[in-house]
N, C-alpha and C. Protein backbone atom coordinates (compact mmCIF):
# COMPACT_ATOMS: atom_id res chain seq x y z
N MET A 1 97.43 108.57 125.94
CA MET A 1 98.04 108.34 124.96
C MET A 1 98.89 109.42 124.72
N GLY A 2 99.88 109.44 124.35
CA GLY A 2 100.77 110.40 124.18
C GLY A 2 100.95 110.80 122.84
N LYS A 3 101.52 111.70 122.07
CA LYS A 3 101.54 112.40 120.80
C LYS A 3 101.53 111.09 119.84
N ILE A 4 100.84 110.94 119.01
CA ILE A 4 100.85 109.94 117.91
C ILE A 4 101.74 110.59 116.78
N ILE A 5 102.97 109.71 116.52
CA ILE A 5 103.81 110.31 115.47
C ILE A 5 103.98 109.18 114.04
N ALA A 6 103.28 109.60 112.79
CA ALA A 6 103.42 108.78 111.64
C ALA A 6 104.54 108.59 111.37
N LYS A 7 104.84 106.80 111.50
CA LYS A 7 106.16 106.49 110.92
C LYS A 7 106.48 106.42 109.62
N ARG A 8 105.29 105.47 109.32
CA ARG A 8 105.10 105.05 107.66
C ARG A 8 103.78 104.84 107.51
N ARG A 9 103.79 105.18 106.07
CA ARG A 9 102.27 104.65 105.21
C ARG A 9 102.30 104.22 104.26
N HIS A 10 101.28 103.17 103.87
CA HIS A 10 101.50 102.79 102.51
C HIS A 10 99.82 102.06 102.26
N PRO A 11 99.73 101.65 100.89
CA PRO A 11 98.64 101.47 100.51
C PRO A 11 98.24 100.04 100.92
N ILE A 12 96.89 99.77 101.09
CA ILE A 12 96.60 98.28 101.43
C ILE A 12 96.44 97.24 100.26
N ARG A 13 96.38 96.24 100.06
CA ARG A 13 95.92 95.30 98.79
C ARG A 13 94.28 95.55 98.79
N LYS A 14 93.62 95.47 97.40
CA LYS A 14 92.46 95.15 97.30
C LYS A 14 91.85 94.44 97.95
N SER A 15 92.37 93.08 98.14
CA SER A 15 91.98 91.95 99.22
C SER A 15 91.90 92.56 100.72
N GLN A 16 92.83 93.40 101.10
CA GLN A 16 92.97 93.82 102.32
C GLN A 16 91.66 94.75 102.27
N VAL A 17 91.41 95.63 101.59
CA VAL A 17 90.59 96.46 101.48
C VAL A 17 89.17 95.72 101.74
N ALA A 18 88.84 94.77 101.04
CA ALA A 18 87.59 94.14 101.19
C ALA A 18 87.24 93.55 102.54
N GLU A 19 88.66 93.17 103.19
CA GLU A 19 88.40 92.74 104.68
C GLU A 19 87.99 93.72 105.67
N LEU A 20 88.69 94.95 105.47
CA LEU A 20 88.65 95.91 106.23
C LEU A 20 87.26 96.36 106.17
N ILE A 21 86.25 96.77 104.99
CA ILE A 21 84.85 96.94 104.55
C ILE A 21 84.23 96.16 105.48
N GLU A 22 84.68 94.79 105.19
CA GLU A 22 83.56 93.81 105.80
C GLU A 22 84.02 93.85 107.58
N SER A 23 84.69 94.19 107.93
CA SER A 23 85.16 94.31 109.14
C SER A 23 84.38 95.64 109.62
N LEU A 24 84.23 96.63 109.36
CA LEU A 24 83.53 97.76 109.17
C LEU A 24 82.05 97.85 109.11
N ASN A 25 81.59 96.70 108.30
CA ASN A 25 80.16 96.57 107.93
C ASN A 25 79.69 95.92 109.47
N GLU A 26 80.52 94.90 110.28
CA GLU A 26 80.34 94.36 111.20
C GLU A 26 79.61 95.31 112.28
N GLU A 27 80.58 96.65 112.46
CA GLU A 27 80.67 97.63 113.47
C GLU A 27 79.28 98.27 112.93
N ILE A 28 79.02 98.97 111.90
CA ILE A 28 78.51 100.07 111.59
C ILE A 28 77.00 99.46 110.69
N GLY A 29 77.05 98.39 110.03
CA GLY A 29 76.04 97.96 108.93
C GLY A 29 76.43 98.50 107.71
N ALA A 30 75.51 98.55 106.68
CA ALA A 30 75.55 98.98 105.64
C ALA A 30 76.08 100.34 105.47
N SER A 31 76.48 101.36 106.28
CA SER A 31 77.00 102.32 106.14
C SER A 31 78.54 102.39 105.80
N ALA A 32 78.88 101.06 106.13
CA ALA A 32 80.26 101.24 105.86
C ALA A 32 81.02 101.18 104.44
N GLU A 33 79.97 101.14 103.50
CA GLU A 33 80.20 101.51 101.96
C GLU A 33 80.30 102.65 101.79
N LEU A 34 79.84 103.67 102.73
CA LEU A 34 80.45 105.49 102.57
C LEU A 34 82.05 105.13 102.70
N PHE A 35 82.73 104.65 103.29
CA PHE A 35 84.23 104.39 103.51
C PHE A 35 85.01 103.65 102.41
N THR A 36 84.35 103.23 101.39
CA THR A 36 84.91 102.60 100.38
C THR A 36 85.63 103.30 99.60
N ALA A 37 86.97 103.22 99.12
CA ALA A 37 87.70 103.97 98.10
C ALA A 37 88.68 103.04 97.07
N LYS A 38 89.38 104.06 96.11
CA LYS A 38 89.83 103.11 95.23
C LYS A 38 91.20 102.92 95.71
N THR A 39 91.75 103.78 96.74
CA THR A 39 93.10 103.35 97.37
C THR A 39 92.68 103.78 98.87
N ILE A 40 93.41 102.96 99.86
CA ILE A 40 92.99 103.07 101.41
C ILE A 40 94.62 102.92 102.22
N GLU A 41 95.19 103.81 102.60
CA GLU A 41 96.57 103.74 103.20
C GLU A 41 96.10 103.12 104.90
N VAL A 42 97.22 102.47 105.31
CA VAL A 42 97.65 102.32 106.34
C VAL A 42 98.84 103.35 107.12
N LEU A 43 98.33 104.07 108.40
CA LEU A 43 99.26 104.65 108.60
C LEU A 43 99.94 104.15 109.85
N GLU A 44 101.20 103.90 109.99
CA GLU A 44 101.80 103.17 111.19
C GLU A 44 102.45 104.29 111.92
N THR A 45 101.79 103.95 113.30
CA THR A 45 102.45 104.86 114.28
C THR A 45 103.33 104.44 115.32
N GLY A 46 103.25 103.31 115.49
CA GLY A 46 104.36 102.89 116.52
C GLY A 46 103.70 102.57 117.81
N THR A 47 102.43 102.61 117.81
CA THR A 47 100.96 102.55 119.04
C THR A 47 100.23 101.48 118.51
N GLN A 48 99.25 101.46 119.33
CA GLN A 48 98.36 100.08 119.29
C GLN A 48 97.70 100.60 118.20
N LEU A 49 97.46 102.13 117.96
CA LEU A 49 96.42 102.54 117.20
C LEU A 49 96.86 102.15 115.78
N HIS A 50 95.62 101.95 114.72
CA HIS A 50 96.00 102.07 113.24
C HIS A 50 95.36 103.00 112.68
N ILE A 51 95.54 103.82 112.12
CA ILE A 51 95.00 104.99 111.28
C ILE A 51 94.72 104.37 109.61
N TYR A 52 93.60 104.63 109.20
CA TYR A 52 93.41 104.15 107.62
C TYR A 52 93.32 105.69 107.30
N LEU A 53 93.78 105.62 106.30
CA LEU A 53 93.67 107.04 105.14
C LEU A 53 92.69 106.58 103.86
N VAL A 54 91.66 107.27 104.17
CA VAL A 54 90.38 106.99 102.71
C VAL A 54 90.52 108.34 102.22
N ASP A 55 90.83 107.77 100.71
CA ASP A 55 91.34 109.26 99.70
C ASP A 55 92.03 110.06 100.59
N LYS A 56 93.19 110.16 101.16
CA LYS A 56 94.18 110.80 101.92
C LYS A 56 94.06 111.43 103.07
N GLU A 57 92.65 111.04 103.76
CA GLU A 57 92.15 111.60 104.79
C GLU A 57 91.72 110.41 106.02
N PRO A 58 92.12 110.80 107.06
CA PRO A 58 92.34 109.64 108.19
C PRO A 58 90.69 109.61 108.41
N LEU A 59 90.14 108.74 107.84
CA LEU A 59 88.68 108.40 108.03
C LEU A 59 88.46 107.40 108.92
N LEU A 60 89.26 106.30 108.97
CA LEU A 60 89.04 105.19 109.94
C LEU A 60 90.15 104.91 110.93
N LEU A 61 89.86 104.28 112.22
CA LEU A 61 90.76 104.21 112.91
C LEU A 61 90.69 102.25 113.71
N GLU A 62 91.67 101.68 113.86
CA GLU A 62 91.55 100.55 114.55
C GLU A 62 92.23 100.52 115.86
N LYS A 63 91.35 100.44 116.91
CA LYS A 63 91.82 100.52 118.33
C LYS A 63 91.33 98.96 118.94
N ASP A 64 92.69 98.49 119.39
CA ASP A 64 92.27 97.35 120.62
C ASP A 64 91.34 95.98 119.34
N GLY A 65 91.72 96.00 118.07
CA GLY A 65 91.19 95.22 117.31
C GLY A 65 89.95 95.50 116.68
N VAL A 66 89.36 96.65 117.21
CA VAL A 66 88.02 97.19 116.60
C VAL A 66 88.29 98.09 115.42
N LEU A 67 87.73 97.95 114.46
CA LEU A 67 87.65 98.97 113.34
C LEU A 67 86.50 100.16 113.41
N PHE A 68 86.53 101.26 113.46
CA PHE A 68 85.58 101.86 113.14
C PHE A 68 85.63 103.62 112.85
N PRO A 69 84.88 104.41 112.43
CA PRO A 69 85.21 105.72 111.78
C PRO A 69 86.01 106.41 112.66
N SER A 70 86.97 107.05 112.40
CA SER A 70 87.65 108.06 113.23
C SER A 70 86.41 109.28 113.41
N LEU A 71 86.62 110.37 114.34
CA LEU A 71 85.97 111.46 114.73
C LEU A 71 86.03 112.09 113.03
N LYS A 72 87.01 112.44 112.20
CA LYS A 72 86.96 113.17 111.17
C LYS A 72 86.34 112.42 110.13
N GLY A 73 86.25 110.87 110.01
CA GLY A 73 85.39 110.15 109.34
C GLY A 73 84.14 110.32 109.37
N ALA A 74 83.33 110.24 110.72
CA ALA A 74 82.04 110.80 111.19
C ALA A 74 81.57 112.28 110.88
N LEU A 75 82.36 112.87 110.48
CA LEU A 75 81.98 114.19 110.17
C LEU A 75 82.21 114.09 108.56
N ALA A 76 82.93 113.58 107.93
CA ALA A 76 83.07 113.88 106.86
C ALA A 76 82.12 113.10 105.91
N ARG A 77 81.76 111.83 106.66
CA ARG A 77 80.75 110.95 105.94
C ARG A 77 79.67 110.04 107.02
N PRO A 78 78.75 111.11 107.57
CA PRO A 78 78.19 111.01 108.66
C PRO A 78 77.55 109.39 108.24
N PHE A 79 77.21 108.67 109.38
CA PHE A 79 76.04 107.58 109.47
C PHE A 79 75.30 107.50 110.70
N PRO A 80 74.18 107.00 110.51
CA PRO A 80 73.32 107.07 111.56
C PRO A 80 73.30 105.85 112.76
N GLU A 81 74.31 105.06 112.42
CA GLU A 81 74.65 104.03 113.64
C GLU A 81 75.44 104.32 114.71
N ARG A 82 75.22 103.63 115.75
CA ARG A 82 75.94 103.76 117.17
C ARG A 82 76.09 104.96 117.38
N ARG A 83 74.81 105.86 117.63
CA ARG A 83 74.82 107.14 118.21
C ARG A 83 74.24 107.50 119.45
N ILE A 84 75.22 108.15 120.14
CA ILE A 84 74.64 108.76 121.21
C ILE A 84 74.49 110.39 121.53
N VAL A 85 73.29 110.77 121.68
CA VAL A 85 72.89 112.02 121.57
C VAL A 85 73.04 112.60 123.15
N VAL A 86 73.62 113.77 122.81
CA VAL A 86 73.99 114.56 124.47
C VAL A 86 73.10 115.70 124.26
N ASP A 87 72.58 116.20 125.48
CA ASP A 87 72.23 117.59 125.72
C ASP A 87 73.19 118.71 125.23
N MET A 88 72.84 119.72 124.99
CA MET A 88 73.76 120.91 124.68
C MET A 88 74.51 121.44 126.05
N GLY A 89 74.33 120.97 127.07
CA GLY A 89 74.74 121.41 128.63
C GLY A 89 75.99 120.58 128.68
N ALA A 90 76.37 119.23 127.73
CA ALA A 90 77.41 118.57 128.13
C ALA A 90 78.62 118.73 127.27
N VAL A 91 77.87 119.33 125.87
CA VAL A 91 78.97 119.72 124.72
C VAL A 91 80.27 120.15 125.18
N SER A 92 80.34 121.35 126.38
CA SER A 92 81.47 121.76 126.20
C SER A 92 82.48 120.99 126.86
N PHE A 93 81.72 119.63 128.02
CA PHE A 93 82.71 118.78 128.57
C PHE A 93 82.79 117.73 127.55
N VAL A 94 82.17 117.26 126.48
CA VAL A 94 82.61 116.02 125.78
C VAL A 94 83.58 116.75 124.82
N ILE A 95 83.65 118.12 124.18
CA ILE A 95 84.46 118.14 123.31
C ILE A 95 86.24 118.45 123.82
N ASN A 96 86.11 118.67 125.20
CA ASN A 96 87.33 118.65 126.15
C ASN A 96 87.78 117.08 126.61
N GLY A 97 86.95 116.23 126.13
CA GLY A 97 87.72 114.91 126.45
C GLY A 97 86.81 114.06 127.72
N ALA A 98 85.62 114.89 128.39
CA ALA A 98 85.25 113.99 129.07
C ALA A 98 84.31 112.78 128.79
N ASP A 99 84.42 112.03 129.63
CA ASP A 99 83.53 110.71 129.79
C ASP A 99 82.03 110.93 129.78
N ILE A 100 81.38 110.65 129.03
CA ILE A 100 79.64 110.42 129.41
C ILE A 100 79.17 110.11 130.27
N MET A 101 78.36 111.17 131.02
CA MET A 101 77.55 110.78 131.99
C MET A 101 76.06 110.55 132.01
N ARG A 102 75.26 109.74 132.41
CA ARG A 102 73.88 109.62 132.17
C ARG A 102 72.95 110.71 132.31
N PRO A 103 73.31 111.85 132.95
CA PRO A 103 72.15 112.78 133.17
C PRO A 103 72.27 113.52 131.87
N GLY A 104 73.57 113.35 130.88
CA GLY A 104 73.49 114.17 129.88
C GLY A 104 72.96 113.60 128.38
N VAL A 105 72.78 112.10 128.47
CA VAL A 105 72.30 111.45 127.56
C VAL A 105 71.19 111.89 126.86
N LYS A 106 70.72 111.99 126.07
CA LYS A 106 68.83 112.50 125.53
C LYS A 106 68.40 111.11 124.89
N SER A 107 69.18 110.37 124.17
CA SER A 107 68.84 109.32 123.62
C SER A 107 70.06 108.60 122.77
N VAL A 108 69.49 107.11 122.60
CA VAL A 108 70.76 106.17 122.25
C VAL A 108 70.00 105.40 120.99
N SER A 109 70.79 104.97 120.14
CA SER A 109 70.27 104.18 118.96
C SER A 109 70.49 102.73 119.38
N PRO A 110 69.13 101.99 119.04
CA PRO A 110 69.14 100.66 119.81
C PRO A 110 70.55 99.92 119.49
N ASP A 111 71.22 100.26 118.39
CA ASP A 111 72.41 99.02 118.45
C ASP A 111 73.81 99.55 119.39
N VAL A 112 73.55 100.35 119.98
CA VAL A 112 74.67 100.39 121.04
C VAL A 112 74.68 99.05 121.82
N LYS A 113 75.87 98.76 122.04
CA LYS A 113 76.89 97.47 122.85
C LYS A 113 77.30 97.93 123.71
N ALA A 114 77.45 97.44 125.03
CA ALA A 114 78.48 97.41 125.85
C ALA A 114 79.89 96.88 125.22
N GLY A 115 80.82 97.96 125.28
CA GLY A 115 82.17 97.64 125.11
C GLY A 115 82.53 97.63 124.01
N ARG A 116 81.72 98.25 123.17
CA ARG A 116 81.99 98.44 121.21
C ARG A 116 82.03 99.97 121.18
N PRO A 117 82.61 100.50 120.11
CA PRO A 117 82.91 101.98 120.35
C PRO A 117 81.36 102.59 119.34
N VAL A 118 81.09 103.94 120.07
CA VAL A 118 80.12 104.81 119.81
C VAL A 118 80.39 106.37 119.25
N GLN A 119 79.76 106.81 118.47
CA GLN A 119 79.74 108.44 118.12
C GLN A 119 78.74 109.20 119.04
N ILE A 120 79.43 110.18 119.55
CA ILE A 120 78.64 111.13 120.35
C ILE A 120 78.63 112.30 119.76
N VAL A 121 77.05 112.47 119.71
CA VAL A 121 76.61 113.75 118.92
C VAL A 121 75.86 114.50 119.88
N ASP A 122 75.86 115.92 119.24
CA ASP A 122 74.90 116.83 120.16
C ASP A 122 73.52 117.05 119.68
N GLU A 123 72.36 117.59 120.51
CA GLU A 123 71.38 116.95 119.74
C GLU A 123 70.74 118.27 119.13
N ARG A 124 71.19 119.56 119.24
CA ARG A 124 70.92 120.47 118.19
C ARG A 124 71.16 120.15 116.61
N HIS A 125 72.68 119.75 116.44
CA HIS A 125 72.91 120.28 114.81
C HIS A 125 73.16 118.31 114.54
N GLY A 126 73.40 117.37 115.58
CA GLY A 126 73.57 115.84 115.44
C GLY A 126 75.04 115.61 114.70
N LYS A 127 75.66 116.66 115.16
CA LYS A 127 77.47 116.70 114.65
C LYS A 127 78.21 115.86 115.79
N PRO A 128 79.05 114.88 115.13
CA PRO A 128 79.79 114.28 116.11
C PRO A 128 80.37 114.78 117.10
N LEU A 129 80.68 115.05 118.08
CA LEU A 129 81.67 115.38 118.86
C LEU A 129 82.98 114.46 119.82
N ALA A 130 82.63 113.70 119.35
CA ALA A 130 83.56 112.65 120.21
C ALA A 130 83.37 110.91 119.93
N LEU A 131 84.03 110.12 120.21
CA LEU A 131 83.89 108.68 120.06
C LEU A 131 84.29 108.14 121.64
N GLY A 132 83.54 107.01 122.00
CA GLY A 132 83.93 106.38 122.97
C GLY A 132 83.40 105.02 122.80
N ILE A 133 83.83 104.23 124.34
CA ILE A 133 83.08 102.88 124.18
C ILE A 133 81.88 102.89 125.36
N ALA A 134 80.86 102.31 124.93
CA ALA A 134 79.63 102.14 125.83
C ALA A 134 80.00 101.06 126.83
N LEU A 135 79.65 101.37 128.07
CA LEU A 135 80.08 100.73 128.91
C LEU A 135 78.57 99.78 129.31
N PHE A 136 77.45 100.20 128.57
CA PHE A 136 76.04 99.63 128.69
C PHE A 136 75.55 99.35 127.31
N ASP A 137 74.62 98.23 127.18
CA ASP A 137 74.13 97.97 125.89
C ASP A 137 72.59 99.36 125.82
N ALA A 138 72.00 99.58 124.72
CA ALA A 138 71.42 100.68 124.58
C ALA A 138 70.07 100.70 125.85
N GLU A 139 69.62 99.69 126.01
CA GLU A 139 68.34 99.57 126.98
C GLU A 139 68.76 99.92 128.32
N ASP A 140 70.10 99.13 128.65
CA ASP A 140 70.51 99.08 130.21
C ASP A 140 71.10 100.42 130.30
N LEU A 141 71.35 101.31 129.23
CA LEU A 141 72.23 102.49 129.44
C LEU A 141 70.81 103.31 129.58
N MET A 142 70.07 103.40 128.91
CA MET A 142 68.69 104.49 129.14
C MET A 142 67.96 104.34 130.74
N ALA A 143 68.23 102.96 130.86
CA ALA A 143 68.00 102.85 132.68
C ALA A 143 68.48 103.11 133.54
N GLN A 144 69.72 103.40 133.17
CA GLN A 144 70.53 104.11 134.02
C GLN A 144 69.95 105.65 134.59
N GLU A 145 70.14 105.85 135.98
CA GLU A 145 70.05 107.09 136.12
C GLU A 145 70.78 108.37 136.51
N LYS A 146 71.92 107.72 136.99
CA LYS A 146 73.23 108.34 136.94
C LYS A 146 74.67 107.39 136.76
N GLY A 147 75.65 108.05 136.97
CA GLY A 147 76.85 107.78 136.53
C GLY A 147 77.22 107.54 135.38
N LYS A 148 78.57 107.25 135.32
CA LYS A 148 79.43 107.23 133.69
C LYS A 148 78.83 106.18 132.85
N VAL A 149 78.54 106.48 131.58
CA VAL A 149 77.96 105.42 130.68
C VAL A 149 78.83 105.40 129.38
N ILE A 150 79.46 106.11 129.17
CA ILE A 150 80.52 106.08 128.06
C ILE A 150 81.99 106.37 128.11
N LYS A 151 82.60 105.73 127.99
CA LYS A 151 84.20 106.12 128.17
C LYS A 151 84.98 106.48 126.74
N THR A 152 85.13 107.95 126.95
CA THR A 152 85.55 108.32 125.66
C THR A 152 87.30 108.30 125.34
N PHE A 153 87.45 108.13 124.10
CA PHE A 153 88.76 107.57 123.54
C PHE A 153 89.41 108.89 122.73
N HIS A 154 88.30 109.37 121.71
CA HIS A 154 88.81 110.32 120.79
C HIS A 154 87.80 111.18 120.71
N HIS A 155 88.32 112.67 120.54
CA HIS A 155 87.65 113.94 120.52
C HIS A 155 88.53 114.89 119.81
N VAL A 156 87.62 116.02 119.59
CA VAL A 156 88.01 117.16 118.69
C VAL A 156 89.22 117.56 119.48
N GLY A 157 90.49 117.82 118.60
CA GLY A 157 92.32 118.67 119.02
C GLY A 157 92.65 117.43 120.13
N ASP A 158 92.19 116.18 120.01
CA ASP A 158 93.23 115.03 120.58
C ASP A 158 94.13 114.99 120.00
N GLU A 159 95.19 113.65 120.28
CA GLU A 159 96.53 113.73 119.56
C GLU A 159 96.20 112.77 118.34
N ILE A 160 95.01 111.87 118.11
CA ILE A 160 94.56 111.62 116.80
C ILE A 160 94.06 112.37 116.05
N TRP A 161 93.26 113.29 116.36
CA TRP A 161 92.72 114.42 115.50
C TRP A 161 93.88 115.45 114.65
N THR A 162 94.85 115.32 115.91
CA THR A 162 95.72 116.43 115.06
C THR A 162 97.06 115.51 114.96
N VAL A 163 97.24 114.10 114.44
CA VAL A 163 98.23 113.39 113.80
C VAL A 163 98.59 114.37 112.59
N GLU A 164 99.97 114.22 112.42
CA GLU A 164 100.69 114.86 111.15
C GLU A 164 100.55 113.86 110.16
N LEU A 165 100.45 114.10 109.11
CA LEU A 165 100.28 112.82 107.89
C LEU A 165 101.76 113.20 107.34
């Protein structure tokens, strides 16, 4: 993905906010309430990616029709759902955008589903390092012995993280 340039931003209607939170609720459950606010704006970028500003911060993103907290959203408003915990040896690779390989995975929350977004956190502090798409359901992921298990699409310092508002 090339550099993301903010083309236009505007607030969304209250009815759209309710739909947005409902969509987020389908992905992360009750923790979706953490992302409610009086004003939510959409940032148009000219790409397939939609960024939602919650209280003027880019806390949600929609990619390929799926709404999920952005990495800044996961850091600002931590939620326990859809977590992949990686060992500390994998951290330096993950923060540079590497995909997640099975040997680096310590644990997986049971709500992880193949083809759905997940947050990748470190084992020591539990801080989100990246977001990715799971290639396996939780049980199947832990049954793997080697190979790629998460395709990373958003990490600290990438074009989504550094988008200029």
